[in-house]
Protein backbone atom coordinates (compact mmCIF):
# COMPACT_ATOMS: atom_id res chain seq x y z
CA MET A 1 -42.79 15.01 -5.18
CA LEU A 2 -40.15 13.42 -6.86
CA LEU A 3 -37.57 14.91 -3.66
CA VAL A 4 -39.80 12.84 -1.25
CA ALA A 5 -40.17 9.78 -3.17
CA GLY A 6 -36.43 9.81 -3.17
CA ALA A 7 -35.52 10.47 0.11
CA ALA A 8 -38.46 7.83 1.06
CA GLY A 9 -36.32 5.41 -0.86
CA LEU A 10 -33.02 6.15 0.46
CA LEU A 11 -34.47 5.61 4.24
CA ALA A 12 -35.87 2.07 3.14
CA TYR A 13 -32.42 1.36 2.26
CA PRO A 14 -29.88 2.51 4.70
CA ARG A 15 -27.02 1.00 3.33
CA LEU A 16 -27.70 2.71 0.07
CA SER A 17 -28.24 5.98 2.04
CA THR A 18 -24.63 5.13 3.90
CA ARG A 19 -22.54 4.80 0.71
CA LEU A 20 -24.57 8.43 -0.79
CA HIS A 21 -23.20 10.38 2.35
CA ARG A 22 -19.68 8.64 2.33
CA TRP A 23 -19.26 9.94 -1.56
CA GLN A 24 -20.63 12.90 -0.84
CA THR A 25 -18.33 13.22 1.90
CA THR A 26 -15.04 12.36 0.02
CA ARG A 27 -16.69 14.65 -2.46
CA LEU A 28 -16.47 17.35 -0.45
CA ALA A 29 -13.21 16.65 1.34
CA THR A 30 -11.41 16.51 -2.44
CA ALA A 31 -12.14 20.08 -3.18
CA VAL A 32 -10.49 20.80 0.13
CA ILE A 33 -7.66 19.22 -0.50
CA THR A 34 -6.89 19.62 -4.22
CA PRO A 35 -5.83 23.14 -3.69
CA LEU A 36 -3.63 22.13 -0.59
CA ALA A 37 -1.94 19.15 -2.14
CA ASP A 38 1.12 21.05 -3.51
CA THR A 39 1.84 22.45 0.35
CA LEU A 40 2.13 18.51 0.95
CA HIS A 41 5.39 16.58 1.55
CA GLU A 42 6.07 12.55 1.78
CA GLY A 43 6.85 11.77 5.35
CA ASP A 44 4.02 14.42 7.05
CA LEU A 45 2.38 13.39 9.41
CA ILE A 46 -1.75 14.29 9.80
CA PHE A 47 -4.21 14.12 12.41
CA HIS A 48 -7.73 14.96 12.96
CA THR A 49 -10.59 14.18 15.62
CA SER A 50 -11.59 10.42 15.20
CA GLN A 51 -15.09 9.71 15.29
CA SER A 52 -15.20 6.69 16.06
CA ALA A 53 -16.50 4.98 19.19
CA GLN A 54 -13.37 5.57 21.35
CA SER A 55 -12.60 9.02 19.66
CA GLN A 56 -14.40 10.61 22.66
CA ALA A 57 -12.57 8.60 25.62
CA ILE A 58 -8.94 8.87 24.04
CA GLN A 59 -9.42 13.11 23.76
CA LEU A 60 -10.69 13.40 27.63
CA ALA A 61 -7.67 11.23 28.97
CA THR A 62 -5.25 13.13 26.52
CA HIS A 63 -6.79 16.56 27.03
CA SER A 64 -6.16 16.61 22.85
CA PRO A 65 -8.89 17.17 20.24
CA TYR A 66 -6.79 15.05 18.01
CA SER A 67 -7.71 11.33 18.36
CA HIS A 68 -6.07 9.80 15.20
CA CYS A 69 -3.43 10.36 12.97
CA GLY A 70 -1.34 9.08 9.85
CA LEU A 71 1.41 8.91 8.01
CA LEU A 72 1.86 10.80 4.48
CA TYR A 73 2.86 9.02 1.41
CA LYS A 74 2.29 9.72 -2.59
CA THR A 75 1.85 6.63 -4.79
CA ASN A 76 1.29 7.10 -8.73
CA GLY A 77 0.40 10.67 -8.00
CA GLU A 78 -2.11 10.13 -5.64
CA TRP A 79 -1.81 11.03 -1.56
CA GLN A 80 -2.55 8.22 0.63
CA VAL A 81 -2.09 8.08 4.26
CA PHE A 82 -0.56 5.09 6.23
CA GLU A 83 -2.60 4.34 9.17
CA ALA A 84 -3.63 1.69 11.71
CA VAL A 85 -7.85 1.30 11.48
CA GLN A 86 -8.49 -2.10 10.86
CA PRO A 87 -6.31 -3.50 9.53
CA VAL A 88 -3.16 -1.17 8.86
CA LYS A 89 -3.62 0.50 5.29
CA LEU A 90 -3.16 2.70 2.94
CA THR A 91 -6.01 5.18 2.61
CA PRO A 92 -6.72 7.71 -0.06
CA LEU A 93 -5.79 11.03 1.34
CA SER A 94 -9.64 12.16 0.57
CA ARG A 95 -11.17 9.36 1.91
CA TRP A 96 -9.26 9.85 5.35
CA VAL A 97 -10.20 13.65 5.38
CA ALA A 98 -13.52 12.96 4.64
CA ARG A 99 -14.23 10.48 7.86
CA GLY A 100 -12.18 13.41 9.95
CA GLN A 101 -15.24 15.60 12.95
CA GLY A 102 -15.92 18.62 10.45
CA GLN A 103 -13.49 17.63 8.09
CA HIS A 104 -11.01 19.16 10.15
CA PHE A 105 -7.01 18.01 9.93
CA VAL A 106 -3.83 19.52 10.90
CA VAL A 107 -0.16 18.59 8.70
CA LYS A 108 2.81 18.33 10.89
CA ARG A 109 6.22 17.69 9.63
CA LEU A 110 9.99 17.13 10.65
CA ARG A 111 11.73 20.77 11.68
CA ASP A 112 14.55 19.53 9.58
CA ALA A 113 12.83 17.73 6.79
CA ALA A 114 14.32 19.79 4.15
CA THR A 115 17.49 17.94 4.81
CA VAL A 116 16.43 14.76 6.42
CA LEU A 117 13.35 13.11 4.59
CA THR A 118 15.84 12.73 1.18
CA PRO A 119 14.60 9.89 -1.09
CA ALA A 120 16.71 6.97 0.52
CA ALA A 121 15.29 8.17 4.41
CA LEU A 122 11.84 7.97 2.78
CA ALA A 123 12.42 4.62 1.43
CA ARG A 124 13.57 3.36 4.44
CA LEU A 125 10.38 4.93 6.33
CA ARG A 126 8.28 2.80 3.73
CA ALA A 127 10.29 -0.41 5.10
CA ALA A 128 10.25 0.12 7.95
CA GLY A 129 6.31 0.15 8.10
CA GLN A 130 5.72 -2.38 5.34
CA PRO A 131 5.66 -5.26 8.35
CA MET A 132 2.99 -3.47 10.01
CA LEU A 133 1.03 -3.23 6.65
CA GLY A 134 -1.99 -5.55 7.12
CA ARG A 135 -1.74 -5.70 11.29
CA ASP A 136 -5.12 -5.81 12.84
CA TYR A 137 -6.16 -2.29 14.94
CA ASP A 138 -5.04 -2.77 18.90
CA LEU A 139 -7.98 -1.98 20.99
CA ALA A 140 -5.96 -2.40 24.17
CA PHE A 141 -3.01 -0.27 23.14
CA ASN A 142 -0.35 -3.26 23.93
CA TRP A 143 3.27 -1.98 23.08
CA SER A 144 4.32 -5.09 20.72
CA ASP A 145 3.71 -5.38 17.58
CA LYS A 146 1.18 -7.85 16.86
CA GLN A 147 -1.32 -5.57 17.01
CA ILE A 148 -1.10 -1.82 15.83
CA TYR A 149 -2.60 1.33 16.84
CA CYS A 150 -2.50 4.75 14.68
CA SER A 151 0.18 7.20 16.77
CA GLU A 152 2.47 3.77 17.69
CA LEU A 153 2.45 3.54 14.34
CA ILE A 154 4.07 6.07 13.50
CA TRP A 155 6.36 6.39 16.46
CA LYS A 156 7.62 3.09 15.40
CA VAL A 157 7.91 3.76 11.76
CA TYR A 158 9.42 6.99 12.24
CA ASP A 159 12.17 5.44 15.05
CA ARG A 160 12.84 2.39 12.98
CA GLY A 161 13.26 4.07 9.80
CA LEU A 162 14.94 7.59 11.01
CA HIS A 163 16.06 6.61 14.66
CA ARG A 164 13.90 9.60 15.41
CA GLN A 165 11.58 9.65 18.42
CA LEU A 166 8.39 11.72 17.56
CA GLY A 167 6.72 12.31 20.99
CA GLN A 168 6.94 10.68 24.24
CA LEU A 169 6.30 7.19 25.78
CA GLN A 170 4.41 7.58 28.94
CA GLN A 171 2.43 5.00 30.64
CA LEU A 172 -1.18 3.89 30.53
CA ARG A 173 -1.51 5.38 34.40
CA ASP A 174 -0.30 8.76 32.83
CA PHE A 175 -3.72 10.09 31.52
CA ASP A 176 -6.46 11.35 32.50
CA LEU A 177 -8.58 7.84 33.48
CA ASN A 178 -10.88 9.78 35.57
CA ASN A 179 -13.92 10.92 33.62
CA PRO A 180 -16.44 8.05 33.49
CA ALA A 181 -16.28 7.88 29.76
CA VAL A 182 -12.67 6.93 29.84
CA GLN A 183 -13.48 4.58 32.35
CA ALA A 184 -16.33 2.66 30.68
CA LYS A 185 -14.03 2.49 27.99
CA LEU A 186 -11.31 1.10 29.84
CA HIS A 187 -13.62 -1.38 31.68
CA GLU A 188 -14.96 -2.79 28.38
CA ARG A 189 -11.17 -3.38 27.41
CA TYR A 190 -9.39 -4.81 29.97
CA GLY A 191 -12.44 -5.45 33.18
CA ARG A 192 -10.67 -4.92 36.26
CA GLN A 193 -7.05 -5.56 35.41
CA LEU A 194 -6.27 -2.00 34.20
CA PRO A 195 -2.41 -2.89 32.35
CA LEU A 196 -1.36 0.62 33.93
CA ASP A 197 2.38 -0.01 33.45
CA GLU A 198 1.91 -0.24 29.31
CA PRO A 199 3.90 1.85 27.30
CA VAL A 200 1.51 4.21 25.50
CA ILE A 201 2.33 7.04 22.70
CA SER A 202 -0.99 9.05 22.32
CA PRO A 203 -1.65 10.75 19.44
CA ALA A 204 -1.10 14.53 21.74
CA SER A 205 1.84 13.28 22.46
CA VAL A 206 3.27 12.84 18.96
CA PHE A 207 1.27 15.88 18.27
CA ALA A 208 3.07 17.93 20.87
CA SER A 209 6.52 16.83 19.70
CA ALA A 210 9.48 19.33 19.64
CA GLU A 211 10.11 17.35 17.08
CA LEU A 212 7.78 19.11 14.72
CA VAL A 213 6.30 22.16 12.88
CA THR A 214 2.65 22.22 11.68
CA VAL A 215 2.80 23.65 8.01
CA LEU A 216 -0.67 22.89 7.77
CA SER A 217 -3.99 23.68 9.51
CA ARG A 218 -7.34 23.50 8.51
């Protein structure tokens, strides 16, 4: 009876139920990443399948399961993900993993990270990203710095901080735009005027970069 009453109470307060679910998933994610933490290095890239409203369209357009990505830093002993959401910010790794589908994620690293990612190089990466911290998320995937999306953030931080370009820049027209789910999202964002020539860097393109190796897949 107490369990039934408790469940009924949660249903009566959906905000409380949401918070409980978030707490539970974050706790599970913490248990997942704790034994893996020593495998991570600052400057690593992390990818997962987002559960956002646009995730399916990104997956279909890029033919990849990975629709969101970020950059790993360690601050005051805590692993965090530098990511472009709303707004661009640092998110605790456990919370980031909890948001992904099935808490699955992949971590990638520069092939030559052992020699390239010195403390000075990591400082340059952080400095390159600092001006974008707090910027609004870019729903239209424009290439300007006024607003930023996830793979754009990673690409620009590495390009400006280390002069390394992770993934191939494409144009919007290069993606598979035929699926009805993709077309619906494009119509929602652009109406009838699609910016087909706009430079775009996708999570899939960064993920496939020959500059990177996979160091962890969970």
